[in-house]
Amino acid sequence: MDLPDIESTAAVDPCNRSTGQNCTHFPLTDSGQPVAFYPFFSTVMTSAGCRWQFGNHIPGSANDFGQNAQYGSLLNANYILFGGGGVSVTRFNVFRKILSTNPC
């Protein structure tokens, strides 16, 4: 999830995509408080089989993968600057978690 991009423009304690400082799983409000709602993936069993859902605490969910913890760790990635003569920069742009299997 690319929350660091959203949080890098925060009015209070913006996410520093160069260091990862102040980057959180929940975007912050303008007053610096975590948002009350941020959606996550879950699965549900239906008569047609397993289905993916995206929301927040959907009744009947079979697995919510730890809710917002499902987004995983802050990922540090290298990027080559366009027109920069091959110069690369390191940025923390996403939280990433790879599941070992498809749960559906």
N, C-alpha and C. Protein backbone atom coordinates (compact mmCIF):
# COMPACT_ATOMS: atom_id res chain seq x y z
N MET A 1 0.85 -1.16 0.00
CA MET A 1 0.00 0.00 0.00
C MET A 1 0.90 1.23 0.00
N ASP A 2 0.58 2.19 -0.82
CA ASP A 2 1.46 3.35 -1.00
C ASP A 2 1.14 4.49 -0.03
N LEU A 3 0.94 4.17 1.23
CA LEU A 3 0.65 5.19 2.24
C LEU A 3 1.75 6.24 2.38
N PRO A 4 3.04 5.89 2.25
CA PRO A 4 4.05 6.95 2.38
C PRO A 4 3.84 8.11 1.41
N ASP A 5 3.35 7.83 0.20
CA ASP A 5 3.08 8.93 -0.74
C ASP A 5 1.98 9.84 -0.19
N ILE A 6 0.94 9.26 0.38
CA ILE A 6 -0.15 10.03 0.95
C ILE A 6 0.35 10.82 2.16
N GLU A 7 1.12 10.16 3.01
CA GLU A 7 1.58 10.77 4.26
C GLU A 7 2.69 11.79 4.07
N SER A 8 3.35 11.78 2.92
CA SER A 8 4.47 12.72 2.72
C SER A 8 4.00 14.16 2.62
N THR A 9 2.70 14.37 2.41
CA THR A 9 2.16 15.73 2.33
C THR A 9 1.38 16.11 3.58
N ALA A 10 1.49 15.32 4.64
CA ALA A 10 0.74 15.59 5.88
C ALA A 10 1.14 16.93 6.48
N ALA A 11 0.15 17.59 7.08
CA ALA A 11 0.40 18.89 7.70
C ALA A 11 1.23 18.76 8.97
N VAL A 12 1.08 17.63 9.68
CA VAL A 12 1.80 17.40 10.93
C VAL A 12 2.63 16.13 10.78
N ASP A 13 3.90 16.19 11.12
CA ASP A 13 4.81 15.04 11.07
C ASP A 13 4.72 14.26 9.76
N PRO A 14 5.04 14.89 8.63
CA PRO A 14 4.94 14.17 7.35
C PRO A 14 5.91 12.99 7.27
N CYS A 15 5.53 11.99 6.50
CA CYS A 15 6.37 10.82 6.26
C CYS A 15 7.59 11.27 5.44
N ASN A 16 8.76 10.90 5.92
CA ASN A 16 9.99 11.20 5.19
C ASN A 16 10.32 9.98 4.35
N ARG A 17 10.06 10.04 3.04
CA ARG A 17 10.25 8.88 2.17
C ARG A 17 11.72 8.57 1.94
N SER A 18 12.64 9.44 2.37
CA SER A 18 14.07 9.14 2.26
C SER A 18 14.56 8.31 3.43
N THR A 19 13.95 8.51 4.62
CA THR A 19 14.40 7.80 5.82
C THR A 19 13.37 6.82 6.37
N GLY A 20 12.10 7.01 6.02
CA GLY A 20 11.02 6.19 6.58
C GLY A 20 10.46 6.75 7.87
N GLN A 21 11.05 7.81 8.40
CA GLN A 21 10.58 8.40 9.66
C GLN A 21 9.17 8.95 9.49
N ASN A 22 8.31 8.70 10.48
CA ASN A 22 6.91 9.15 10.53
C ASN A 22 6.00 8.48 9.50
N CYS A 23 6.44 7.40 8.86
CA CYS A 23 5.60 6.66 7.93
C CYS A 23 4.84 5.60 8.73
N THR A 24 3.51 5.63 8.66
CA THR A 24 2.69 4.74 9.47
C THR A 24 1.70 3.98 8.60
N HIS A 25 1.09 2.93 9.18
CA HIS A 25 0.08 2.16 8.47
C HIS A 25 -1.22 2.94 8.30
N PHE A 26 -1.43 3.94 9.11
CA PHE A 26 -2.64 4.75 9.02
C PHE A 26 -2.26 6.17 8.64
N PRO A 27 -2.86 6.74 7.61
CA PRO A 27 -2.60 8.15 7.33
C PRO A 27 -3.05 8.99 8.52
N LEU A 28 -2.46 10.15 8.66
CA LEU A 28 -2.81 11.05 9.76
C LEU A 28 -3.74 12.15 9.27
N THR A 29 -4.60 12.60 10.17
CA THR A 29 -5.47 13.73 9.87
C THR A 29 -4.63 15.01 9.90
N ASP A 30 -5.23 16.12 9.53
CA ASP A 30 -4.51 17.39 9.56
C ASP A 30 -4.07 17.78 10.96
N SER A 31 -4.72 17.23 11.99
CA SER A 31 -4.32 17.52 13.37
C SER A 31 -3.32 16.51 13.90
N GLY A 32 -2.84 15.58 13.03
CA GLY A 32 -1.80 14.63 13.43
C GLY A 32 -2.30 13.37 14.09
N GLN A 33 -3.60 13.12 14.06
CA GLN A 33 -4.18 11.91 14.66
C GLN A 33 -4.41 10.86 13.57
N PRO A 34 -4.25 9.56 13.91
CA PRO A 34 -4.53 8.52 12.91
C PRO A 34 -5.99 8.59 12.46
N VAL A 35 -6.24 8.35 11.18
CA VAL A 35 -7.61 8.36 10.67
C VAL A 35 -8.41 7.26 11.37
N ALA A 36 -9.70 7.48 11.51
CA ALA A 36 -10.56 6.52 12.20
C ALA A 36 -10.85 5.30 11.33
N PHE A 37 -10.77 5.44 10.03
CA PHE A 37 -11.10 4.37 9.12
C PHE A 37 -10.06 4.28 8.01
N TYR A 38 -9.54 3.09 7.79
CA TYR A 38 -8.71 2.83 6.63
C TYR A 38 -8.99 1.41 6.20
N PRO A 39 -9.39 1.19 4.96
CA PRO A 39 -9.84 -0.14 4.53
C PRO A 39 -8.72 -1.17 4.44
N PHE A 40 -9.12 -2.44 4.50
CA PHE A 40 -8.18 -3.55 4.34
C PHE A 40 -8.89 -4.68 3.62
N PHE A 41 -8.12 -5.64 3.14
CA PHE A 41 -8.67 -6.79 2.43
C PHE A 41 -9.11 -7.86 3.41
N SER A 42 -10.13 -8.61 3.02
CA SER A 42 -10.57 -9.78 3.76
C SER A 42 -11.17 -10.76 2.76
N THR A 43 -11.45 -11.97 3.22
CA THR A 43 -12.11 -12.96 2.37
C THR A 43 -13.41 -13.38 3.01
N VAL A 44 -14.30 -13.89 2.18
CA VAL A 44 -15.59 -14.40 2.66
C VAL A 44 -15.92 -15.64 1.83
N MET A 45 -16.55 -16.63 2.46
CA MET A 45 -17.00 -17.82 1.74
C MET A 45 -18.45 -17.59 1.31
N THR A 46 -18.73 -17.77 0.02
CA THR A 46 -20.08 -17.64 -0.52
C THR A 46 -20.47 -18.97 -1.16
N SER A 47 -21.69 -19.05 -1.63
CA SER A 47 -22.12 -20.27 -2.31
C SER A 47 -21.32 -20.50 -3.59
N ALA A 48 -20.70 -19.44 -4.11
CA ALA A 48 -19.87 -19.55 -5.31
C ALA A 48 -18.39 -19.77 -4.97
N GLY A 49 -18.06 -19.87 -3.67
CA GLY A 49 -16.68 -20.08 -3.25
C GLY A 49 -16.11 -18.88 -2.51
N CYS A 50 -14.81 -18.87 -2.39
CA CYS A 50 -14.10 -17.80 -1.68
C CYS A 50 -14.07 -16.54 -2.53
N ARG A 51 -14.31 -15.40 -1.89
CA ARG A 51 -14.29 -14.10 -2.57
C ARG A 51 -13.49 -13.09 -1.75
N TRP A 52 -12.80 -12.19 -2.45
CA TRP A 52 -12.07 -11.10 -1.81
C TRP A 52 -13.03 -9.94 -1.53
N GLN A 53 -12.77 -9.23 -0.43
CA GLN A 53 -13.53 -8.03 -0.06
C GLN A 53 -12.54 -6.93 0.27
N PHE A 54 -12.97 -5.69 0.18
CA PHE A 54 -12.14 -4.55 0.55
C PHE A 54 -13.02 -3.59 1.32
N GLY A 55 -12.69 -3.34 2.57
CA GLY A 55 -13.49 -2.47 3.41
C GLY A 55 -12.95 -2.45 4.82
N ASN A 56 -13.86 -2.41 5.79
CA ASN A 56 -13.44 -2.33 7.18
C ASN A 56 -14.45 -3.10 8.03
N HIS A 57 -14.03 -4.21 8.62
CA HIS A 57 -14.87 -5.02 9.51
C HIS A 57 -16.18 -5.42 8.84
N ILE A 58 -16.08 -6.08 7.70
CA ILE A 58 -17.26 -6.52 6.96
C ILE A 58 -17.82 -7.78 7.63
N PRO A 59 -19.08 -7.78 8.04
CA PRO A 59 -19.67 -8.95 8.69
C PRO A 59 -19.53 -10.20 7.81
N GLY A 60 -19.23 -11.33 8.45
CA GLY A 60 -19.12 -12.60 7.74
C GLY A 60 -17.75 -12.88 7.16
N SER A 61 -16.79 -11.98 7.35
CA SER A 61 -15.45 -12.20 6.81
C SER A 61 -14.84 -13.47 7.41
N ALA A 62 -14.21 -14.27 6.56
CA ALA A 62 -13.56 -15.49 7.01
C ALA A 62 -12.14 -15.22 7.50
N ASN A 63 -11.47 -14.26 6.90
CA ASN A 63 -10.09 -13.94 7.26
C ASN A 63 -9.85 -12.48 6.94
N ASP A 64 -9.29 -11.74 7.90
CA ASP A 64 -8.99 -10.32 7.64
C ASP A 64 -7.49 -10.05 7.62
N PHE A 65 -6.67 -11.11 7.68
CA PHE A 65 -5.22 -11.01 7.52
C PHE A 65 -4.56 -10.00 8.46
N GLY A 66 -5.10 -9.86 9.66
CA GLY A 66 -4.53 -8.92 10.63
C GLY A 66 -4.95 -7.48 10.41
N GLN A 67 -6.00 -7.29 9.64
CA GLN A 67 -6.54 -5.96 9.33
C GLN A 67 -5.45 -5.06 8.75
N ASN A 68 -5.18 -3.91 9.31
CA ASN A 68 -4.19 -3.01 8.71
C ASN A 68 -2.77 -3.53 8.82
N ALA A 69 -2.51 -4.49 9.70
CA ALA A 69 -1.18 -5.10 9.77
C ALA A 69 -0.88 -5.89 8.50
N GLN A 70 -1.92 -6.21 7.71
CA GLN A 70 -1.72 -6.97 6.49
C GLN A 70 -0.86 -6.22 5.47
N TYR A 71 -0.72 -4.93 5.63
CA TYR A 71 0.07 -4.17 4.67
C TYR A 71 1.56 -4.43 4.81
N GLY A 72 1.98 -5.03 5.90
CA GLY A 72 3.37 -5.45 6.04
C GLY A 72 4.33 -4.34 6.43
N SER A 73 5.59 -4.59 6.12
CA SER A 73 6.67 -3.69 6.51
C SER A 73 6.89 -2.60 5.47
N LEU A 74 7.50 -1.54 5.93
CA LEU A 74 7.86 -0.44 5.05
C LEU A 74 8.98 -0.92 4.13
N LEU A 75 8.79 -0.81 2.83
CA LEU A 75 9.74 -1.32 1.85
C LEU A 75 10.66 -0.21 1.36
N ASN A 76 11.94 -0.47 1.44
CA ASN A 76 12.97 0.44 0.96
C ASN A 76 13.35 -0.01 -0.45
N ALA A 77 13.18 0.84 -1.45
CA ALA A 77 13.48 0.47 -2.83
C ALA A 77 14.38 1.51 -3.49
N ASN A 78 15.18 1.06 -4.44
CA ASN A 78 16.06 1.95 -5.19
C ASN A 78 15.40 2.32 -6.51
N TYR A 79 15.52 3.57 -6.88
CA TYR A 79 14.96 4.09 -8.13
C TYR A 79 16.06 4.82 -8.89
N ILE A 80 16.07 4.65 -10.20
CA ILE A 80 16.99 5.41 -11.04
C ILE A 80 16.26 6.66 -11.50
N LEU A 81 16.87 7.80 -11.27
CA LEU A 81 16.23 9.07 -11.61
C LEU A 81 16.16 9.25 -13.12
N PHE A 82 14.99 9.61 -13.60
CA PHE A 82 14.79 9.89 -15.03
C PHE A 82 15.60 11.12 -15.40
N GLY A 83 16.44 10.99 -16.40
CA GLY A 83 17.27 12.11 -16.84
C GLY A 83 18.39 12.44 -15.88
N GLY A 84 18.66 11.53 -14.93
CA GLY A 84 19.68 11.80 -13.91
C GLY A 84 21.02 11.16 -14.20
N GLY A 85 21.22 10.67 -15.42
CA GLY A 85 22.51 10.10 -15.78
C GLY A 85 22.83 8.81 -15.03
N GLY A 86 21.80 8.06 -14.67
CA GLY A 86 22.03 6.79 -13.99
C GLY A 86 22.10 6.90 -12.48
N VAL A 87 21.87 8.09 -11.94
CA VAL A 87 21.89 8.28 -10.49
C VAL A 87 20.66 7.61 -9.89
N SER A 88 20.86 6.91 -8.79
CA SER A 88 19.72 6.27 -8.13
C SER A 88 19.48 6.88 -6.75
N VAL A 89 18.24 6.77 -6.30
CA VAL A 89 17.86 7.23 -4.97
C VAL A 89 17.12 6.11 -4.26
N THR A 90 17.15 6.11 -2.95
CA THR A 90 16.41 5.15 -2.15
C THR A 90 15.19 5.86 -1.58
N ARG A 91 14.03 5.20 -1.70
CA ARG A 91 12.79 5.77 -1.18
C ARG A 91 11.98 4.71 -0.48
N PHE A 92 11.30 5.13 0.57
CA PHE A 92 10.31 4.30 1.25
C PHE A 92 8.96 4.73 0.69
N ASN A 93 8.42 3.99 -0.26
CA ASN A 93 7.20 4.40 -0.93
C ASN A 93 5.99 3.51 -0.64
N VAL A 94 6.20 2.31 -0.13
CA VAL A 94 5.08 1.40 0.09
C VAL A 94 5.31 0.53 1.32
N PHE A 95 4.19 0.07 1.89
CA PHE A 95 4.21 -1.02 2.86
C PHE A 95 3.92 -2.28 2.05
N ARG A 96 4.66 -3.35 2.29
CA ARG A 96 4.50 -4.53 1.45
C ARG A 96 4.57 -5.81 2.27
N LYS A 97 3.64 -6.70 1.98
CA LYS A 97 3.63 -8.03 2.57
C LYS A 97 3.23 -9.01 1.47
N ILE A 98 3.99 -10.06 1.32
CA ILE A 98 3.71 -11.06 0.30
C ILE A 98 3.17 -12.31 1.00
N LEU A 99 1.98 -12.73 0.63
CA LEU A 99 1.42 -13.95 1.19
C LEU A 99 2.08 -15.16 0.56
N SER A 100 2.29 -16.21 1.33
CA SER A 100 2.95 -17.41 0.82
C SER A 100 2.05 -18.20 -0.14
N THR A 101 0.74 -18.07 0.03
CA THR A 101 -0.20 -18.73 -0.86
C THR A 101 -1.40 -17.83 -1.06
N ASN A 102 -2.18 -18.10 -2.10
CA ASN A 102 -3.42 -17.37 -2.32
C ASN A 102 -4.49 -17.99 -1.43
N PRO A 103 -5.04 -17.25 -0.47
CA PRO A 103 -6.00 -17.83 0.47
C PRO A 103 -7.37 -18.10 -0.11
N CYS A 104 -7.61 -17.70 -1.33
CA CYS A 104 -8.91 -17.99 -1.96
C CYS A 104 -8.75 -19.10 -2.95
